[in-house]
Each structure stands twice: as structure tokens, then as C-alpha cells.
C-alpha atoms as a PDB file:
ATOM      1  CA  UNK A   1       0.000   0.000   0.000  1.00  0.00           C
ATOM      2  CA  UNK A   2       1.323   3.432  -0.964  1.00  0.00           C
ATOM      3  CA  UNK A   3       1.434   6.229   1.537  1.00  0.00           C
ATOM      4  CA  UNK A   4       0.093   9.701   0.712  1.00  0.00           C
ATOM      5  CA  UNK A   5       3.682  10.975   0.673  1.00  0.00           C
ATOM      6  CA  UNK A   6       4.656   8.376  -1.965  1.00  0.00           C
ATOM      7  CA  UNK A   7       1.605   9.209  -4.076  1.00  0.00           C
ATOM      8  CA  UNK A   8       2.404  12.928  -3.920  1.00  0.00           C
ATOM      9  CA  UNK A   9       6.054  12.292  -4.808  1.00  0.00           C
ATOM     10  CA  UNK A  10       5.111  10.117  -7.793  1.00  0.00           C
ATOM     11  CA  UNK A  11       2.573  12.686  -8.967  1.00  0.00           C
ATOM     12  CA  UNK A  12       5.135  15.502  -8.774  1.00  0.00           C
ATOM     13  CA  UNK A  13       7.684  13.383 -10.626  1.00  0.00           C
ATOM     14  CA  UNK A  14       5.148  12.650 -13.372  1.00  0.00           C
ATOM     15  CA  UNK A  15       4.266  16.347 -13.697  1.00  0.00           C
ATOM     16  CA  UNK A  16       7.928  17.378 -13.864  1.00  0.00           C
ATOM     17  CA  UNK A  17       8.638  14.734 -16.493  1.00  0.00           C
ATOM     18  CA  UNK A  18       5.646  15.895 -18.534  1.00  0.00           C
ATOM     19  CA  UNK A  19       6.783  19.532 -18.328  1.00  0.00           C
ATOM     20  CA  UNK A  20      10.296  18.615 -19.494  1.00  0.00           C
ATOM     21  CA  UNK A  21       8.898  16.631 -22.411  1.00  0.00           C
ATOM     22  CA  UNK A  22       6.684  19.585 -23.399  1.00  0.00           C
ATOM     23  CA  UNK A  23       9.679  21.938 -23.313  1.00  0.00           C
ATOM     24  CA  UNK A  24      11.718  19.491 -25.405  1.00  0.00           C
ATOM     25  CA  UNK A  25       8.841  19.205 -27.880  1.00  0.00           C
ATOM     26  CA  UNK A  26       8.606  22.999 -28.236  1.00  0.00           C
ATOM     27  CA  UNK A  27      12.392  23.266 -28.639  1.00  0.00           C
ATOM     28  CA  UNK A  28      12.372  20.547 -31.317  1.00  0.00           C
ATOM     29  CA  UNK A  29       9.522  22.271 -33.184  1.00  0.00           C
ATOM     30  CA  UNK A  30      11.347  25.597 -33.067  1.00  0.00           C
ATOM     31  CA  UNK A  31      14.648  24.095 -34.231  1.00  0.00           C
ATOM     32  CA  UNK A  32      13.209  21.933 -37.029  1.00  0.00           C
ATOM     33  CA  UNK A  33      10.400  24.145 -38.348  1.00  0.00           C
ATOM     34  CA  UNK A  34      10.662  27.753 -37.173  1.00  0.00           C
ATOM     35  CA  UNK A  35      14.358  28.639 -37.034  1.00  0.00           C
ATOM     36  CA  UNK A  36      15.054  27.307 -40.581  1.00  0.00           C
ATOM     37  CA  UNK A  37      12.023  29.217 -41.890  1.00  0.00           C
ATOM     38  CA  UNK A  38      13.234  32.460 -40.283  1.00  0.00           C
ATOM     39  CA  UNK A  39      16.791  31.931 -41.541  1.00  0.00           C
ATOM     40  CA  UNK A  40      15.738  31.128 -45.122  1.00  0.00           C
ATOM     41  CA  UNK A  41      12.905  33.634 -45.516  1.00  0.00           C
ATOM     42  CA  UNK A  42      13.402  36.504 -43.056  1.00  0.00           C
ATOM     43  CA  UNK A  43      17.006  37.113 -42.009  1.00  0.00           C
ATOM     44  CA  UNK A  44      18.036  38.712 -45.302  1.00  0.00           C
ATOM     45  CA  UNK A  45      15.892  41.759 -44.496  1.00  0.00           C
ATOM     46  CA  UNK A  46      15.255  41.315 -40.750  1.00  0.00           C
ATOM     47  CA  UNK A  47      18.533  39.923 -39.476  1.00  0.00           C
ATOM     48  CA  UNK A  48      21.927  41.002 -38.209  1.00  0.00           C
ATOM     49  CA  UNK A  49      22.958  42.836 -41.378  1.00  0.00           C
ATOM     50  CA  UNK A  50      19.735  44.720 -42.081  1.00  0.00           C
ATOM     51  CA  UNK A  51      16.612  45.512 -40.086  1.00  0.00           C
ATOM     52  CA  UNK A  52      13.930  46.617 -42.523  1.00  0.00           C
ATOM     53  CA  UNK A  53      11.195  48.468 -40.699  1.00  0.00           C
ATOM     54  CA  UNK A  54      13.522  48.363 -37.660  1.00  0.00           C
ATOM     55  CA  UNK A  55      12.499  44.716 -37.138  1.00  0.00           C
ATOM     56  CA  UNK A  56      14.978  41.993 -36.218  1.00  0.00           C
ATOM     57  CA  UNK A  57      13.866  38.357 -36.287  1.00  0.00           C
ATOM     58  CA  UNK A  58      17.226  36.779 -35.476  1.00  0.00           C
ATOM     59  CA  UNK A  59      16.750  37.086 -31.699  1.00  0.00           C
ATOM     60  CA  UNK A  60      13.825  36.772 -29.331  1.00  0.00           C
ATOM     61  CA  UNK A  61      14.553  40.277 -28.087  1.00  0.00           C
ATOM     62  CA  UNK A  62      14.250  41.525 -31.669  1.00  0.00           C
ATOM     63  CA  UNK A  63      10.748  40.222 -32.315  1.00  0.00           C
ATOM     64  CA  UNK A  64       9.646  41.100 -28.783  1.00  0.00           C
ATOM     65  CA  UNK A  65      10.727  44.710 -29.229  1.00  0.00           C
ATOM     66  CA  UNK A  66       9.389  44.662 -32.751  1.00  0.00           C
ATOM     67  CA  UNK A  67       9.788  47.242 -35.428  1.00  0.00           C
ATOM     68  CA  UNK A  68       7.964  50.318 -36.582  1.00  0.00           C
ATOM     69  CA  UNK A  69       4.618  48.543 -36.126  1.00  0.00           C
ATOM     70  CA  UNK A  70       5.381  47.286 -32.630  1.00  0.00           C
ATOM     71  CA  UNK A  71       6.047  43.728 -31.454  1.00  0.00           C
ATOM     72  CA  UNK A  72       6.019  41.273 -34.368  1.00  0.00           C
ATOM     73  CA  UNK A  73       4.678  38.395 -32.285  1.00  0.00           C
ATOM     74  CA  UNK A  74       2.129  38.206 -29.486  1.00  0.00           C
ATOM     75  CA  UNK A  75       2.818  34.837 -27.828  1.00  0.00           C
ATOM     76  CA  UNK A  76      -0.393  32.822 -27.629  1.00  0.00           C
ATOM     77  CA  UNK A  77      -2.232  34.945 -30.201  1.00  0.00           C
ATOM     78  CA  UNK A  78      -1.456  34.442 -33.891  1.00  0.00           C
ATOM     79  CA  UNK A  79      -4.321  36.746 -34.926  1.00  0.00           C
ATOM     80  CA  UNK A  80      -2.830  39.637 -32.913  1.00  0.00           C
ATOM     81  CA  UNK A  81       0.687  39.043 -34.269  1.00  0.00           C
ATOM     82  CA  UNK A  82       1.870  41.445 -36.959  1.00  0.00           C
ATOM     83  CA  UNK A  83       4.056  38.657 -38.378  1.00  0.00           C
ATOM     84  CA  UNK A  84       1.042  36.452 -39.173  1.00  0.00           C
ATOM     85  CA  UNK A  85      -0.848  39.339 -40.763  1.00  0.00           C
ATOM     86  CA  UNK A  86       2.195  40.028 -42.932  1.00  0.00           C
ATOM     87  CA  UNK A  87       2.752  36.445 -44.105  1.00  0.00           C
ATOM     88  CA  UNK A  88      -0.980  35.996 -44.771  1.00  0.00           C
ATOM     89  CA  UNK A  89      -0.969  39.248 -46.779  1.00  0.00           C
ATOM     90  CA  UNK A  90      -3.876  40.738 -44.793  1.00  0.00           C
ATOM     91  CA  UNK A  91      -2.579  44.263 -45.392  1.00  0.00           C
ATOM     92  CA  UNK A  92      -1.559  45.310 -48.905  1.00  0.00           C
ATOM     93  CA  UNK A  93       1.040  47.626 -47.361  1.00  0.00           C
ATOM     94  CA  UNK A  94       2.676  44.830 -45.361  1.00  0.00           C
ATOM     95  CA  UNK A  95       3.178  41.626 -47.318  1.00  0.00           C
ATOM     96  CA  UNK A  96       6.023  39.360 -46.286  1.00  0.00           C
ATOM     97  CA  UNK A  97       7.986  38.080 -47.954  1.00  0.00           C
ATOM     98  CA  UNK A  98       7.421  40.843 -50.519  1.00  0.00           C
ATOM     99  CA  UNK A  99       5.331  39.681 -53.497  1.00  0.00           C
ATOM    100  CA  UNK A 100       8.325  39.874 -55.851  1.00  0.00           C
ATOM    101  CA  UNK A 101      10.392  37.560 -53.644  1.00  0.00           C
ATOM    102  CA  UNK A 102      11.142  34.052 -54.850  1.00  0.00           C
ATOM    103  CA  UNK A 103      10.953  32.846 -51.242  1.00  0.00           C
ATOM    104  CA  UNK A 104       7.187  32.855 -50.619  1.00  0.00           C
ATOM    105  CA  UNK A 105       5.930  30.832 -47.671  1.00  0.00           C
ATOM    106  CA  UNK A 106       3.899  27.693 -48.213  1.00  0.00           C
ATOM    107  CA  UNK A 107       0.555  27.207 -46.434  1.00  0.00           C
ATOM    108  CA  UNK A 108       2.268  24.611 -44.220  1.00  0.00           C
ATOM    109  CA  UNK A 109       4.971  27.087 -43.200  1.00  0.00           C
ATOM    110  CA  UNK A 110       2.347  29.696 -42.309  1.00  0.00           C
ATOM    111  CA  UNK A 111       0.433  27.072 -40.316  1.00  0.00           C
ATOM    112  CA  UNK A 112       3.665  26.188 -38.469  1.00  0.00           C
ATOM    113  CA  UNK A 113       4.208  29.854 -37.574  1.00  0.00           C
ATOM    114  CA  UNK A 114       0.647  30.065 -36.265  1.00  0.00           C
ATOM    115  CA  UNK A 115       1.101  26.865 -34.242  1.00  0.00           C
ATOM    116  CA  UNK A 116       4.388  28.126 -32.818  1.00  0.00           C
ATOM    117  CA  UNK A 117       2.841  31.431 -31.760  1.00  0.00           C
ATOM    118  CA  UNK A 118      -0.324  29.779 -30.393  1.00  0.00           C
ATOM    119  CA  UNK A 119       1.870  27.526 -28.223  1.00  0.00           C
ATOM    120  CA  UNK A 120       3.632  30.554 -26.712  1.00  0.00           C
ATOM    121  CA  UNK A 121       6.368  31.292 -29.292  1.00  0.00           C
ATOM    122  CA  UNK A 122       9.098  29.306 -27.533  1.00  0.00           C
ATOM    123  CA  UNK A 123      12.401  30.824 -28.613  1.00  0.00           C
ATOM    124  CA  UNK A 124      15.679  29.767 -26.985  1.00  0.00           C
ATOM    125  CA  UNK A 125      17.712  32.467 -28.707  1.00  0.00           C
ATOM    126  CA  UNK A 126      19.044  34.648 -25.950  1.00  0.00           C
ATOM    127  CA  UNK A 127      20.568  38.029 -26.341  1.00  0.00           C
ATOM    128  CA  UNK A 128      19.650  41.614 -26.194  1.00  0.00           C
ATOM    129  CA  UNK A 129      18.526  43.761 -29.065  1.00  0.00           C
ATOM    130  CA  UNK A 130      21.596  44.564 -31.111  1.00  0.00           C
ATOM    131  CA  UNK A 131      21.868  47.998 -32.617  1.00  0.00           C
ATOM    132  CA  UNK A 132      21.549  47.981 -36.381  1.00  0.00           C
ATOM    133  CA  UNK A 133      23.509  50.200 -38.742  1.00  0.00           C
ATOM    134  CA  UNK A 134      20.534  52.575 -38.790  1.00  0.00           C
ATOM    135  CA  UNK A 135      20.462  52.722 -34.983  1.00  0.00           C
ATOM    136  CA  UNK A 136      24.196  53.483 -34.927  1.00  0.00           C
ATOM    137  CA  UNK A 137      23.864  56.298 -37.482  1.00  0.00           C
ATOM    138  CA  UNK A 138      20.855  57.725 -35.629  1.00  0.00           C
ATOM    139  CA  UNK A 139      22.854  57.831 -32.397  1.00  0.00           C
ATOM    140  CA  UNK A 140      25.177  60.437 -33.917  1.00  0.00           C
ATOM    141  CA  UNK A 141      22.648  62.274 -36.091  1.00  0.00           C
ATOM    142  CA  UNK A 142      22.002  65.882 -35.031  1.00  0.00           C
ATOM    143  CA  UNK A 143      18.220  65.349 -34.804  1.00  0.00           C
ATOM    144  CA  UNK A 144      18.644  62.769 -32.059  1.00  0.00           C
ATOM    145  CA  UNK A 145      21.067  64.792 -29.950  1.00  0.00           C
ATOM    146  CA  UNK A 146      20.111  66.673 -26.794  1.00  0.00           C
ATOM    147  CA  UNK A 147      20.253  70.389 -27.312  1.00  0.00           C
ATOM    148  CA  UNK A 148      20.950  73.056 -24.774  1.00  0.00           C
ATOM    149  CA  UNK A 149      19.404  76.386 -25.576  1.00  0.00           C
ATOM    150  CA  UNK A 150      20.883  79.391 -23.835  1.00  0.00           C
END
């Protein structure tokens, strides 16, 4: 006969194991489906070399901060995520990849992005937002400098 302490210990062990498996599953999905998609379709314009619309997708901090339109992804809500609106071409002024690009997303890739976001947008890429070339130029531009008027 099992004691209440044993039952509680086994239950906690089962819950911890389940949580670890869920985290591994989300990591695997990100690494096999999402990261390659971002690398192949997004980094050219939203990566370390260029940040069109001030958006970086090569770090979690980049998509969390977002670009000119705010955060690109709202974890848990694909419909509220600018990224999903862009890849589904909901807005004629924001269609990603651009219509003339040879790297259009397939319906499966869009579905994977929606699934990823719905599940919380697990992203193991650490790091802070890195200043782009535009950010660096803006830091020394006269319009962004503090002025003292006498």
C-alpha cells in the first residue's frame, strides 16, 4: 500500500517529467520548423545585417521589441501578431515576404508559424537587441542629440 507521501512524490515526478517533455517538444519544433524558416525567408531583411522596418527576427529580443509597427509576435495569439498578418498578406502595405520575392511561404509554413505562436512562441535564442547600422547612425545624427538652448 502506498502512503500519501509516496503518491504525492510520484505525482510531482510525473508532472515534472511531462513539463520537461513539453519543453523538449517545443524546442524541437522551433529548431526543425521555425528557425530554418526564419533563416531562409526573413534574415536577409530582418537579421543582423539589415533591419527593414527596424524589425529583427534573429533574436527573441528583436521580435519582442518589434519594429515600426510594434512587437512582431504576441505569444499565444497568432491573430494579434503582426508577423502572421504580414505572411498571410492581410494588409496590402505589409506583405512578407514581398510579393516579388522568390521565397514565398507555403501554407504549411504559415500554419507552423501560427502553431508556434499559439503555443507561446518558444524561442531559446538569448541576447539583447543589437543595434543595427541605422540605430548606430541615428545615435550620432544631429536630430537625435540633446540640445541646450541658452
